[in-house]
Amino acid sequence: MWTIRIERQDWSGGPTASDCEVSNKEIERLDATESLLLIDGLGRTHQLRIIGPAGRGLRIVVEDLSVKRGEQLHSRGINLSGCRPQELVVDPGETIELNTCTLDAGTTYRLTFELAV
């Protein structure tokens, strides 16, 4: 059984660091079922589909969120060209970051995939 730890953070930004604001940080843990709905700070719904096991990992599909993983997690900004359907295999314990495809305000989700033993 897989579970997903979801850390959600709403943000807004401006041209300088003093114009930026982070709010509404929430953490929840959900069972990895067929589909998870992620609600952003503007009330829009984003779907994360769970396809199933793939070797040691879990195959997922992200529809309309930009994905960061591995070394990309340390970079700033959002890759707006990554805002397309993407199929990934995540490993147990791996953390990925999903971002709404916006420049001035949005939501960041940090998902950690955990495999119950």
PDB file of N, CA and C in Angstrom:
ATOM      1  N   MET A   1       0.847  -1.186   0.000  1.00  0.00           N
ATOM      2  CA  MET A   1       0.000   0.000   0.000  1.00  0.00           C
ATOM      3  C   MET A   1       0.887   1.242   0.000  1.00  0.00           C
ATOM      4  N   TRP A   2       0.641   2.135  -0.908  1.00  0.00           N
ATOM      5  CA  TRP A   2       1.370   3.400  -1.014  1.00  0.00           C
ATOM      6  C   TRP A   2       0.572   4.505  -0.342  1.00  0.00           C
ATOM      7  N   THR A   3       1.276   5.412   0.321  1.00  0.00           N
ATOM      8  CA  THR A   3       0.658   6.635   0.818  1.00  0.00           C
ATOM      9  C   THR A   3       1.469   7.817   0.275  1.00  0.00           C
ATOM     10  N   ILE A   4       0.812   8.951   0.220  1.00  0.00           N
ATOM     11  CA  ILE A   4       1.455  10.160  -0.287  1.00  0.00           C
ATOM     12  C   ILE A   4       1.332  11.245   0.769  1.00  0.00           C
ATOM     13  N   ARG A   5       2.471  11.779   1.176  1.00  0.00           N
ATOM     14  CA  ARG A   5       2.495  12.931   2.082  1.00  0.00           C
ATOM     15  C   ARG A   5       2.487  14.169   1.208  1.00  0.00           C
ATOM     16  N   ILE A   6       1.491  15.027   1.393  1.00  0.00           N
ATOM     17  CA  ILE A   6       1.330  16.212   0.554  1.00  0.00           C
ATOM     18  C   ILE A   6       1.511  17.460   1.406  1.00  0.00           C
ATOM     19  N   GLU A   7       2.481  18.262   1.037  1.00  0.00           N
ATOM     20  CA  GLU A   7       2.692  19.566   1.664  1.00  0.00           C
ATOM     21  C   GLU A   7       2.268  20.608   0.636  1.00  0.00           C
ATOM     22  N   ARG A   8       1.248  21.382   0.974  1.00  0.00           N
ATOM     23  CA  ARG A   8       0.695  22.377   0.047  1.00  0.00           C
ATOM     24  C   ARG A   8       1.009  23.769   0.567  1.00  0.00           C
ATOM     25  N   GLN A   9       1.468  24.629  -0.337  1.00  0.00           N
ATOM     26  CA  GLN A   9       1.804  25.989   0.044  1.00  0.00           C
ATOM     27  C   GLN A   9       1.327  26.942  -1.053  1.00  0.00           C
ATOM     28  N   ASP A  10       0.493  27.905  -0.671  1.00  0.00           N
ATOM     29  CA  ASP A  10       0.054  28.936  -1.604  1.00  0.00           C
ATOM     30  C   ASP A  10       1.067  30.066  -1.569  1.00  0.00           C
ATOM     31  N   TRP A  11       1.273  30.732  -2.694  1.00  0.00           N
ATOM     32  CA  TRP A  11       2.256  31.803  -2.771  1.00  0.00           C
ATOM     33  C   TRP A  11       1.796  32.877  -3.744  1.00  0.00           C
ATOM     34  N   SER A  12       2.318  34.044  -3.552  1.00  0.00           N
ATOM     35  CA  SER A  12       2.146  35.119  -4.524  1.00  0.00           C
ATOM     36  C   SER A  12       3.482  35.826  -4.628  1.00  0.00           C
ATOM     37  N   GLY A  13       3.757  36.392  -5.774  1.00  0.00           N
ATOM     38  CA  GLY A  13       5.068  36.984  -5.970  1.00  0.00           C
ATOM     39  C   GLY A  13       5.012  38.266  -6.751  1.00  0.00           C
ATOM     40  N   GLY A  14       6.071  38.996  -6.621  1.00  0.00           N
ATOM     41  CA  GLY A  14       6.205  40.247  -7.345  1.00  0.00           C
ATOM     42  C   GLY A  14       7.619  40.379  -7.855  1.00  0.00           C
ATOM     43  N   PRO A  15       7.963  41.539  -8.330  1.00  0.00           N
ATOM     44  CA  PRO A  15       9.282  41.724  -8.919  1.00  0.00           C
ATOM     45  C   PRO A  15      10.432  41.705  -7.901  1.00  0.00           C
ATOM     46  N   THR A  16      10.144  41.941  -6.616  1.00  0.00           N
ATOM     47  CA  THR A  16      11.206  41.923  -5.602  1.00  0.00           C
ATOM     48  C   THR A  16      10.839  40.939  -4.502  1.00  0.00           C
ATOM     49  N   ALA A  17      11.835  40.548  -3.713  1.00  0.00           N
ATOM     50  CA  ALA A  17      11.599  39.594  -2.619  1.00  0.00           C
ATOM     51  C   ALA A  17      10.592  40.139  -1.611  1.00  0.00           C
ATOM     52  N   SER A  18      10.573  41.455  -1.404  1.00  0.00           N
ATOM     53  CA  SER A  18       9.631  42.026  -0.428  1.00  0.00           C
ATOM     54  C   SER A  18       8.190  41.963  -0.919  1.00  0.00           C
ATOM     55  N   ASP A  19       7.984  41.746  -2.211  1.00  0.00           N
ATOM     56  CA  ASP A  19       6.635  41.623  -2.766  1.00  0.00           C
ATOM     57  C   ASP A  19       6.090  40.201  -2.678  1.00  0.00           C
ATOM     58  N   CYS A  20       6.919  39.259  -2.267  1.00  0.00           N
ATOM     59  CA  CYS A  20       6.532  37.848  -2.253  1.00  0.00           C
ATOM     60  C   CYS A  20       5.917  37.468  -0.911  1.00  0.00           C
ATOM     61  N   GLU A  21       4.958  36.558  -0.984  1.00  0.00           N
ATOM     62  CA  GLU A  21       4.277  36.102   0.226  1.00  0.00           C
ATOM     63  C   GLU A  21       3.975  34.613   0.100  1.00  0.00           C
ATOM     64  N   VAL A  22       4.177  33.882   1.188  1.00  0.00           N
ATOM     65  CA  VAL A  22       3.824  32.466   1.259  1.00  0.00           C
ATOM     66  C   VAL A  22       2.788  32.328   2.356  1.00  0.00           C
ATOM     67  N   SER A  23       1.717  31.625   2.045  1.00  0.00           N
ATOM     68  CA  SER A  23       0.655  31.486   3.044  1.00  0.00           C
ATOM     69  C   SER A  23       0.019  30.112   2.943  1.00  0.00           C
ATOM     70  N   ASN A  24      -0.817  29.827   3.907  1.00  0.00           N
ATOM     71  CA  ASN A  24      -1.681  28.653   3.870  1.00  0.00           C
ATOM     72  C   ASN A  24      -0.920  27.347   3.683  1.00  0.00           C
ATOM     73  N   LYS A  25       0.097  27.100   4.518  1.00  0.00           N
ATOM     74  CA  LYS A  25       0.860  25.853   4.422  1.00  0.00           C
ATOM     75  C   LYS A  25       0.070  24.747   5.111  1.00  0.00           C
ATOM     76  N   GLU A  26      -0.200  23.669   4.378  1.00  0.00           N
ATOM     77  CA  GLU A  26      -0.956  22.533   4.905  1.00  0.00           C
ATOM     78  C   GLU A  26      -0.192  21.252   4.613  1.00  0.00           C
ATOM     79  N   ILE A  27      -0.315  20.290   5.520  1.00  0.00           N
ATOM     80  CA  ILE A  27       0.298  18.976   5.311  1.00  0.00           C
ATOM     81  C   ILE A  27      -0.757  17.918   5.563  1.00  0.00           C
ATOM     82  N   GLU A  28      -0.888  16.967   4.648  1.00  0.00           N
ATOM     83  CA  GLU A  28      -1.812  15.856   4.844  1.00  0.00           C
ATOM     84  C   GLU A  28      -1.205  14.591   4.257  1.00  0.00           C
ATOM     85  N   ARG A  29      -1.722  13.461   4.666  1.00  0.00           N
ATOM     86  CA  ARG A  29      -1.248  12.159   4.172  1.00  0.00           C
ATOM     87  C   ARG A  29      -2.472  11.407   3.639  1.00  0.00           C
ATOM     88  N   LEU A  30      -2.375  10.941   2.379  1.00  0.00           N
ATOM     89  CA  LEU A  30      -3.488  10.256   1.727  1.00  0.00           C
ATOM     90  C   LEU A  30      -3.028   8.921   1.174  1.00  0.00           C
ATOM     91  N   ASP A  31      -3.951   7.955   1.094  1.00  0.00           N
ATOM     92  CA  ASP A  31      -3.661   6.695   0.423  1.00  0.00           C
ATOM     93  C   ASP A  31      -3.561   6.950  -1.071  1.00  0.00           C
ATOM     94  N   ALA A  32      -2.628   6.293  -1.722  1.00  0.00           N
ATOM     95  CA  ALA A  32      -2.464   6.423  -3.171  1.00  0.00           C
ATOM     96  C   ALA A  32      -3.496   5.530  -3.849  1.00  0.00           C
ATOM     97  N   THR A  33      -4.620   6.117  -4.185  1.00  0.00           N
ATOM     98  CA  THR A  33      -5.682   5.374  -4.862  1.00  0.00           C
ATOM     99  C   THR A  33      -5.587   5.662  -6.359  1.00  0.00           C
ATOM    100  N   GLU A  34      -6.651   5.456  -7.108  1.00  0.00           N
ATOM    101  CA  GLU A  34      -6.619   5.668  -8.557  1.00  0.00           C
ATOM    102  C   GLU A  34      -6.411   7.118  -8.941  1.00  0.00           C
ATOM    103  N   SER A  35      -6.926   8.042  -8.145  1.00  0.00           N
ATOM    104  CA  SER A  35      -6.861   9.442  -8.514  1.00  0.00           C
ATOM    105  C   SER A  35      -6.875  10.317  -7.270  1.00  0.00           C
ATOM    106  N   LEU A  36      -6.056  11.350  -7.285  1.00  0.00           N
ATOM    107  CA  LEU A  36      -6.068  12.334  -6.209  1.00  0.00           C
ATOM    108  C   LEU A  36      -6.393  13.682  -6.821  1.00  0.00           C
ATOM    109  N   LEU A  37      -7.259  14.431  -6.167  1.00  0.00           N
ATOM    110  CA  LEU A  37      -7.577  15.773  -6.613  1.00  0.00           C
ATOM    111  C   LEU A  37      -6.858  16.757  -5.710  1.00  0.00           C
ATOM    112  N   LEU A  38      -6.106  17.650  -6.304  1.00  0.00           N
ATOM    113  CA  LEU A  38      -5.376  18.677  -5.574  1.00  0.00           C
ATOM    114  C   LEU A  38      -6.064  20.008  -5.864  1.00  0.00           C
ATOM    115  N   ILE A  39      -6.470  20.714  -4.830  1.00  0.00           N
ATOM    116  CA  ILE A  39      -7.144  21.998  -4.973  1.00  0.00           C
ATOM    117  C   ILE A  39      -6.120  23.100  -4.731  1.00  0.00           C
ATOM    118  N   ASP A  40      -5.994  24.034  -5.670  1.00  0.00           N
ATOM    119  CA  ASP A  40      -5.016  25.107  -5.488  1.00  0.00           C
ATOM    120  C   ASP A  40      -5.639  26.297  -4.752  1.00  0.00           C
ATOM    121  N   GLY A  41      -4.840  27.313  -4.508  1.00  0.00           N
ATOM    122  CA  GLY A  41      -5.265  28.478  -3.743  1.00  0.00           C
ATOM    123  C   GLY A  41      -6.371  29.286  -4.395  1.00  0.00           C
ATOM    124  N   LEU A  42      -6.596  29.083  -5.690  1.00  0.00           N
ATOM    125  CA  LEU A  42      -7.664  29.791  -6.396  1.00  0.00           C
ATOM    126  C   LEU A  42      -8.902  28.923  -6.564  1.00  0.00           C
ATOM    127  N   GLY A  43      -8.885  27.724  -5.969  1.00  0.00           N
ATOM    128  CA  GLY A  43     -10.039  26.827  -6.034  1.00  0.00           C
ATOM    129  C   GLY A  43     -10.077  25.945  -7.268  1.00  0.00           C
ATOM    130  N   ARG A  44      -9.027  25.975  -8.082  1.00  0.00           N
ATOM    131  CA  ARG A  44      -8.975  25.109  -9.260  1.00  0.00           C
ATOM    132  C   ARG A  44      -8.550  23.705  -8.845  1.00  0.00           C
ATOM    133  N   THR A  45      -9.032  22.702  -9.567  1.00  0.00           N
ATOM    134  CA  THR A  45      -8.734  21.306  -9.263  1.00  0.00           C
ATOM    135  C   THR A  45      -7.716  20.769 -10.255  1.00  0.00           C
ATOM    136  N   HIS A  46      -6.713  20.058  -9.725  1.00  0.00           N
ATOM    137  CA  HIS A  46      -5.681  19.410 -10.534  1.00  0.00           C
ATOM    138  C   HIS A  46      -5.677  17.933 -10.180  1.00  0.00           C
ATOM    139  N   GLN A  47      -5.583  17.083 -11.192  1.00  0.00           N
ATOM    140  CA  GLN A  47      -5.662  15.639 -10.973  1.00  0.00           C
ATOM    141  C   GLN A  47      -4.294  14.984 -11.059  1.00  0.00           C
ATOM    142  N   LEU A  48      -4.045  14.087 -10.118  1.00  0.00           N
ATOM    143  CA  LEU A  48      -2.871  13.223 -10.123  1.00  0.00           C
ATOM    144  C   LEU A  48      -3.418  11.801 -10.230  1.00  0.00           C
ATOM    145  N   ARG A  49      -3.123  11.114 -11.336  1.00  0.00           N
ATOM    146  CA  ARG A  49      -3.629   9.753 -11.527  1.00  0.00           C
ATOM    147  C   ARG A  49      -2.563   8.738 -11.141  1.00  0.00           C
ATOM    148  N   ILE A  50      -2.971   7.717 -10.410  1.00  0.00           N
ATOM    149  CA  ILE A  50      -2.096   6.621 -10.020  1.00  0.00           C
ATOM    150  C   ILE A  50      -2.357   5.485 -11.005  1.00  0.00           C
ATOM    151  N   ILE A  51      -1.357   5.131 -11.805  1.00  0.00           N
ATOM    152  CA  ILE A  51      -1.509   4.069 -12.797  1.00  0.00           C
ATOM    153  C   ILE A  51      -1.288   2.703 -12.151  1.00  0.00           C
ATOM    154  N   GLY A  52      -0.253   2.584 -11.300  1.00  0.00           N
ATOM    155  CA  GLY A  52       0.007   1.321 -10.619  1.00  0.00           C
ATOM    156  C   GLY A  52       1.494   1.083 -10.445  1.00  0.00           C
ATOM    157  N   PRO A  53       1.846  -0.076  -9.903  1.00  0.00           N
ATOM    158  CA  PRO A  53       3.249  -0.401  -9.649  1.00  0.00           C
ATOM    159  C   PRO A  53       4.056  -0.469 -10.949  1.00  0.00           C
ATOM    160  N   ALA A  54       5.332  -0.103 -10.828  1.00  0.00           N
ATOM    161  CA  ALA A  54       6.273  -0.197 -11.945  1.00  0.00           C
ATOM    162  C   ALA A  54       7.627  -0.559 -11.349  1.00  0.00           C
ATOM    163  N   GLY A  55       7.958  -1.839 -11.339  1.00  0.00           N
ATOM    164  CA  GLY A  55       9.178  -2.290 -10.674  1.00  0.00           C
ATOM    165  C   GLY A  55       9.056  -2.017  -9.182  1.00  0.00           C
ATOM    166  N   ARG A  56      10.036  -1.324  -8.614  1.00  0.00           N
ATOM    167  CA  ARG A  56       9.990  -0.928  -7.192  1.00  0.00           C
ATOM    168  C   ARG A  56       9.132   0.303  -6.980  1.00  0.00           C
ATOM    169  N   GLY A  57       8.846   1.032  -8.068  1.00  0.00           N
ATOM    170  CA  GLY A  57       8.191   2.332  -7.959  1.00  0.00           C
ATOM    171  C   GLY A  57       6.705   2.315  -8.230  1.00  0.00           C
ATOM    172  N   LEU A  58       6.181   3.524  -8.370  1.00  0.00           N
ATOM    173  CA  LEU A  58       4.762   3.736  -8.612  1.00  0.00           C
ATOM    174  C   LEU A  58       4.640   4.648  -9.835  1.00  0.00           C
ATOM    175  N   ARG A  59       3.865   4.213 -10.818  1.00  0.00           N
ATOM    176  CA  ARG A  59       3.667   5.004 -12.042  1.00  0.00           C
ATOM    177  C   ARG A  59       2.505   5.966 -11.818  1.00  0.00           C
ATOM    178  N   ILE A  60       2.756   7.261 -12.087  1.00  0.00           N
ATOM    179  CA  ILE A  60       1.738   8.297 -11.905  1.00  0.00           C
ATOM    180  C   ILE A  60       1.658   9.157 -13.171  1.00  0.00           C
ATOM    181  N   VAL A  61       0.535   9.871 -13.322  1.00  0.00           N
ATOM    182  CA  VAL A  61       0.369  10.827 -14.409  1.00  0.00           C
ATOM    183  C   VAL A  61      -0.048  12.157 -13.799  1.00  0.00           C
ATOM    184  N   VAL A  62       0.673  13.207 -14.172  1.00  0.00           N
ATOM    185  CA  VAL A  62       0.376  14.571 -13.744  1.00  0.00           C
ATOM    186  C   VAL A  62      -0.146  15.295 -14.972  1.00  0.00           C
ATOM    187  N   GLU A  63      -1.337  15.907 -14.859  1.00  0.00           N
ATOM    188  CA  GLU A  63      -1.983  16.488 -16.036  1.00  0.00           C
ATOM    189  C   GLU A  63      -1.545  17.912 -16.371  1.00  0.00           C
ATOM    190  N   ASP A  64      -1.687  18.852 -15.463  1.00  0.00           N
ATOM    191  CA  ASP A  64      -1.500  20.267 -15.804  1.00  0.00           C
ATOM    192  C   ASP A  64      -0.675  21.026 -14.769  1.00  0.00           C
ATOM    193  N   LEU A  65       0.296  20.349 -14.195  1.00  0.00           N
ATOM    194  CA  LEU A  65       1.195  20.964 -13.219  1.00  0.00           C
ATOM    195  C   LEU A  65       2.628  20.755 -13.678  1.00  0.00           C
ATOM    196  N   SER A  66       3.482  21.712 -13.402  1.00  0.00           N
ATOM    197  CA  SER A  66       4.897  21.596 -13.704  1.00  0.00           C
ATOM    198  C   SER A  66       5.552  20.695 -12.647  1.00  0.00           C
ATOM    199  N   VAL A  67       6.465  19.831 -13.066  1.00  0.00           N
ATOM    200  CA  VAL A  67       7.082  18.850 -12.167  1.00  0.00           C
ATOM    201  C   VAL A  67       8.557  19.184 -11.952  1.00  0.00           C
ATOM    202  N   LYS A  68       8.978  19.107 -10.681  1.00  0.00           N
ATOM    203  CA  LYS A  68      10.404  19.172 -10.344  1.00  0.00           C
ATOM    204  C   LYS A  68      10.731  17.917  -9.550  1.00  0.00           C
ATOM    205  N   ARG A  69      11.914  17.365  -9.834  1.00  0.00           N
ATOM    206  CA  ARG A  69      12.372  16.202  -9.065  1.00  0.00           C
ATOM    207  C   ARG A  69      13.884  16.168  -9.091  1.00  0.00           C
ATOM    208  N   GLY A  70      14.460  15.403  -8.163  1.00  0.00           N
ATOM    209  CA  GLY A  70      15.917  15.288  -8.104  1.00  0.00           C
ATOM    210  C   GLY A  70      16.576  16.635  -7.861  1.00  0.00           C
ATOM    211  N   GLU A  71      17.613  16.934  -8.637  1.00  0.00           N
ATOM    212  CA  GLU A  71      18.366  18.187  -8.485  1.00  0.00           C
ATOM    213  C   GLU A  71      17.503  19.421  -8.768  1.00  0.00           C
ATOM    214  N   GLN A  72      16.459  19.273  -9.563  1.00  0.00           N
ATOM    215  CA  GLN A  72      15.572  20.399  -9.881  1.00  0.00           C
ATOM    216  C   GLN A  72      14.891  20.961  -8.633  1.00  0.00           C
ATOM    217  N   LEU A  73      14.759  20.146  -7.588  1.00  0.00           N
ATOM    218  CA  LEU A  73      14.099  20.597  -6.357  1.00  0.00           C
ATOM    219  C   LEU A  73      14.840  21.761  -5.708  1.00  0.00           C
ATOM    220  N   HIS A  74      16.122  21.915  -6.021  1.00  0.00           N
ATOM    221  CA  HIS A  74      16.928  22.986  -5.433  1.00  0.00           C
ATOM    222  C   HIS A  74      16.902  24.263  -6.268  1.00  0.00           C
ATOM    223  N   SER A  75      16.279  24.208  -7.436  1.00  0.00           N
ATOM    224  CA  SER A  75      16.246  25.388  -8.315  1.00  0.00           C
ATOM    225  C   SER A  75      15.029  26.257  -7.991  1.00  0.00           C
ATOM    226  N   ARG A  76      15.158  27.523  -8.330  1.00  0.00           N
ATOM    227  CA  ARG A  76      14.064  28.468  -8.132  1.00  0.00           C
ATOM    228  C   ARG A  76      13.256  28.551  -9.419  1.00  0.00           C
ATOM    229  N   GLY A  77      12.044  29.045  -9.293  1.00  0.00           N
ATOM    230  CA  GLY A  77      11.226  29.265 -10.476  1.00  0.00           C
ATOM    231  C   GLY A  77      10.439  28.038 -10.884  1.00  0.00           C
ATOM    232  N   ILE A  78       9.616  28.233 -11.895  1.00  0.00           N
ATOM    233  CA  ILE A  78       8.733  27.192 -12.402  1.00  0.00           C
ATOM    234  C   ILE A  78       8.994  27.028 -13.890  1.00  0.00           C
ATOM    235  N   ASN A  79       9.106  25.802 -14.343  1.00  0.00           N
ATOM    236  CA  ASN A  79       9.298  25.506 -15.752  1.00  0.00           C
ATOM    237  C   ASN A  79       7.919  25.476 -16.415  1.00  0.00           C
ATOM    238  N   LEU A  80       7.519  26.584 -17.029  1.00  0.00           N
ATOM    239  CA  LEU A  80       6.193  26.655 -17.636  1.00  0.00           C
ATOM    240  C   LEU A  80       6.066  25.756 -18.863  1.00  0.00           C
ATOM    241  N   SER A  81       7.162  25.382 -19.484  1.00  0.00           N
ATOM    242  CA  SER A  81       7.073  24.457 -20.609  1.00  0.00           C
ATOM    243  C   SER A  81       6.793  23.034 -20.117  1.00  0.00           C
ATOM    244  N   GLY A  82       6.913  22.803 -18.817  1.00  0.00           N
ATOM    245  CA  GLY A  82       6.619  21.498 -18.231  1.00  0.00           C
ATOM    246  C   GLY A  82       5.158  21.328 -17.856  1.00  0.00           C
ATOM    247  N   CYS A  83       4.318  22.271 -18.232  1.00  0.00           N
ATOM    248  CA  CYS A  83       2.893  22.244 -17.861  1.00  0.00           C
ATOM    249  C   CYS A  83       2.090  21.480 -18.907  1.00  0.00           C
ATOM    250  N   ARG A  84       2.395  20.216 -19.025  1.00  0.00           N
ATOM    251  CA  ARG A  84       1.730  19.326 -19.964  1.00  0.00           C
ATOM    252  C   ARG A  84       1.596  17.970 -19.282  1.00  0.00           C
ATOM    253  N   PRO A  85       0.750  17.090 -19.800  1.00  0.00           N
ATOM    254  CA  PRO A  85       0.642  15.764 -19.188  1.00  0.00           C
ATOM    255  C   PRO A  85       1.997  15.057 -19.176  1.00  0.00           C
ATOM    256  N   GLN A  86       2.339  14.508 -18.009  1.00  0.00           N
ATOM    257  CA  GLN A  86       3.611  13.799 -17.851  1.00  0.00           C
ATOM    258  C   GLN A  86       3.376  12.506 -17.092  1.00  0.00           C
ATOM    259  N   GLU A  87       3.994  11.436 -17.566  1.00  0.00           N
ATOM    260  CA  GLU A  87       3.936  10.158 -16.862  1.00  0.00           C
ATOM    261  C   GLU A  87       5.287   9.921 -16.219  1.00  0.00           C
ATOM    262  N   LEU A  88       5.283   9.608 -14.919  1.00  0.00           N
ATOM    263  CA  LEU A  88       6.517   9.424 -14.158  1.00  0.00           C
ATOM    264  C   LEU A  88       6.458   8.131 -13.375  1.00  0.00           C
ATOM    265  N   VAL A  89       7.624   7.607 -13.038  1.00  0.00           N
ATOM    266  CA  VAL A  89       7.728   6.523 -12.064  1.00  0.00           C
ATOM    267  C   VAL A  89       8.477   7.093 -10.873  1.00  0.00           C
ATOM    268  N   VAL A  90       7.831   7.082  -9.713  1.00  0.00           N
ATOM    269  CA  VAL A  90       8.462   7.587  -8.490  1.00  0.00           C
ATOM    270  C   VAL A  90       8.865   6.404  -7.618  1.00  0.00           C
ATOM    271  N   ASP A  91       9.978   6.573  -6.914  1.00  0.00           N
ATOM    272  CA  ASP A  91      10.503   5.530  -6.035  1.00  0.00           C
ATOM    273  C   ASP A  91       9.999   5.724  -4.618  1.00  0.00           C
ATOM    274  N   PRO A  92       9.991   4.663  -3.801  1.00  0.00           N
ATOM    275  CA  PRO A  92       9.623   4.819  -2.400  1.00  0.00           C
ATOM    276  C   PRO A  92      10.543   5.843  -1.727  1.00  0.00           C
ATOM    277  N   GLY A  93       9.962   6.778  -1.005  1.00  0.00           N
ATOM    278  CA  GLY A  93      10.720   7.805  -0.304  1.00  0.00           C
ATOM    279  C   GLY A  93      11.047   9.023  -1.152  1.00  0.00           C
ATOM    280  N   GLU A  94      10.770   8.978  -2.450  1.00  0.00           N
ATOM    281  CA  GLU A  94      11.089  10.102  -3.331  1.00  0.00           C
ATOM    282  C   GLU A  94      10.115  11.262  -3.102  1.00  0.00           C
ATOM    283  N   THR A  95      10.653  12.473  -3.199  1.00  0.00           N
ATOM    284  CA  THR A  95       9.842  13.686  -3.125  1.00  0.00           C
ATOM    285  C   THR A  95       9.877  14.365  -4.482  1.00  0.00           C
ATOM    286  N   ILE A  96       8.701  14.780  -4.955  1.00  0.00           N
ATOM    287  CA  ILE A  96       8.616  15.584  -6.165  1.00  0.00           C
ATOM    288  C   ILE A  96       7.858  16.859  -5.819  1.00  0.00           C
ATOM    289  N   GLU A  97       8.046  17.874  -6.637  1.00  0.00           N
ATOM    290  CA  GLU A  97       7.345  19.135  -6.430  1.00  0.00           C
ATOM    291  C   GLU A  97       6.484  19.400  -7.652  1.00  0.00           C
ATOM    292  N   LEU A  98       5.214  19.731  -7.409  1.00  0.00           N
ATOM    293  CA  LEU A  98       4.286  20.101  -8.464  1.00  0.00           C
ATOM    294  C   LEU A  98       3.917  21.555  -8.268  1.00  0.00           C
ATOM    295  N   ASN A  99       3.913  22.321  -9.358  1.00  0.00           N
ATOM    296  CA  ASN A  99       3.597  23.745  -9.285  1.00  0.00           C
ATOM    297  C   ASN A  99       2.494  24.089 -10.274  1.00  0.00           C
ATOM    298  N   THR A 100       1.578  24.967  -9.833  1.00  0.00           N
ATOM    299  CA  THR A 100       0.591  25.477 -10.770  1.00  0.00           C
ATOM    300  C   THR A 100       1.322  26.312 -11.815  1.00  0.00           C
ATOM    301  N   CYS A 101       0.787  26.355 -12.982  1.00  0.00           N
ATOM    302  CA  CYS A 101       1.451  26.995 -14.121  1.00  0.00           C
ATOM    303  C   CYS A 101       1.081  28.473 -14.200  1.00  0.00           C
ATOM    304  N   THR A 102       1.554  29.229 -13.227  1.00  0.00           N
ATOM    305  CA  THR A 102       1.278  30.650 -13.138  1.00  0.00           C
ATOM    306  C   THR A 102       2.550  31.371 -12.732  1.00  0.00           C
ATOM    307  N   LEU A 103       2.596  32.658 -12.989  1.00  0.00           N
ATOM    308  CA  LEU A 103       3.782  33.438 -12.652  1.00  0.00           C
ATOM    309  C   LEU A 103       3.592  34.336 -11.440  1.00  0.00           C
ATOM    310  N   ASP A 104       2.399  34.860 -11.226  1.00  0.00           N
ATOM    311  CA  ASP A 104       2.217  35.874 -10.185  1.00  0.00           C
ATOM    312  C   ASP A 104       1.640  35.339  -8.881  1.00  0.00           C
ATOM    313  N   ALA A 105       0.961  34.227  -8.905  1.00  0.00           N
ATOM    314  CA  ALA A 105       0.424  33.600  -7.687  1.00  0.00           C
ATOM    315  C   ALA A 105       0.069  32.162  -8.031  1.00  0.00           C
ATOM    316  N   GLY A 106       0.197  31.272  -7.067  1.00  0.00           N
ATOM    317  CA  GLY A 106      -0.120  29.884  -7.347  1.00  0.00           C
ATOM    318  C   GLY A 106       0.035  29.006  -6.127  1.00  0.00           C
ATOM    319  N   THR A 107       0.160  27.712  -6.386  1.00  0.00           N
ATOM    320  CA  THR A 107       0.285  26.726  -5.323  1.00  0.00           C
ATOM    321  C   THR A 107       1.418  25.765  -5.664  1.00  0.00           C
ATOM    322  N   THR A 108       2.200  25.432  -4.657  1.00  0.00           N
ATOM    323  CA  THR A 108       3.262  24.441  -4.770  1.00  0.00           C
ATOM    324  C   THR A 108       2.884  23.258  -3.899  1.00  0.00           C
ATOM    325  N   TYR A 109       2.995  22.064  -4.465  1.00  0.00           N
ATOM    326  CA  TYR A 109       2.753  20.822  -3.721  1.00  0.00           C
ATOM    327  C   TYR A 109       4.065  20.057  -3.681  1.00  0.00           C
ATOM    328  N   ARG A 110       4.480  19.633  -2.477  1.00  0.00           N
ATOM    329  CA  ARG A 110       5.619  18.725  -2.331  1.00  0.00           C
ATOM    330  C   ARG A 110       5.030  17.383  -1.939  1.00  0.00           C
ATOM    331  N   LEU A 111       5.212  16.386  -2.781  1.00  0.00           N
ATOM    332  CA  LEU A 111       4.659  15.058  -2.546  1.00  0.00           C
ATOM    333  C   LEU A 111       5.784  14.084  -2.253  1.00  0.00           C
ATOM    334  N   THR A 112       5.654  13.337  -1.170  1.00  0.00           N
ATOM    335  CA  THR A 112       6.593  12.288  -0.825  1.00  0.00           C
ATOM    336  C   THR A 112       5.835  10.970  -0.888  1.00  0.00           C
ATOM    337  N   PHE A 113       6.345  10.026  -1.654  1.00  0.00           N
ATOM    338  CA  PHE A 113       5.682   8.755  -1.871  1.00  0.00           C
ATOM    339  C   PHE A 113       6.269   7.716  -0.916  1.00  0.00           C
ATOM    340  N   GLU A 114       5.401   7.104  -0.121  1.00  0.00           N
ATOM    341  CA  GLU A 114       5.843   6.173   0.909  1.00  0.00           C
ATOM    342  C   GLU A 114       5.186   4.823   0.678  1.00  0.00           C
ATOM    343  N   LEU A 115       5.975   3.779   0.795  1.00  0.00           N
ATOM    344  CA  LEU A 115       5.486   2.419   0.642  1.00  0.00           C
ATOM    345  C   LEU A 115       5.418   1.783   2.021  1.00  0.00           C
ATOM    346  N   ALA A 116       4.206   1.412   2.449  1.00  0.00           N
ATOM    347  CA  ALA A 116       4.028   0.766   3.754  1.00  0.00           C
ATOM    348  C   ALA A 116       4.611  -0.641   3.691  1.00  0.00           C
ATOM    349  N   VAL A 117       5.288  -1.012   4.749  1.00  0.00           N
ATOM    350  CA  VAL A 117       5.927  -2.325   4.776  1.00  0.00           C
ATOM    351  C   VAL A 117       5.064  -3.335   5.476  1.00  0.00           C
TER     352      VAL A 117
END
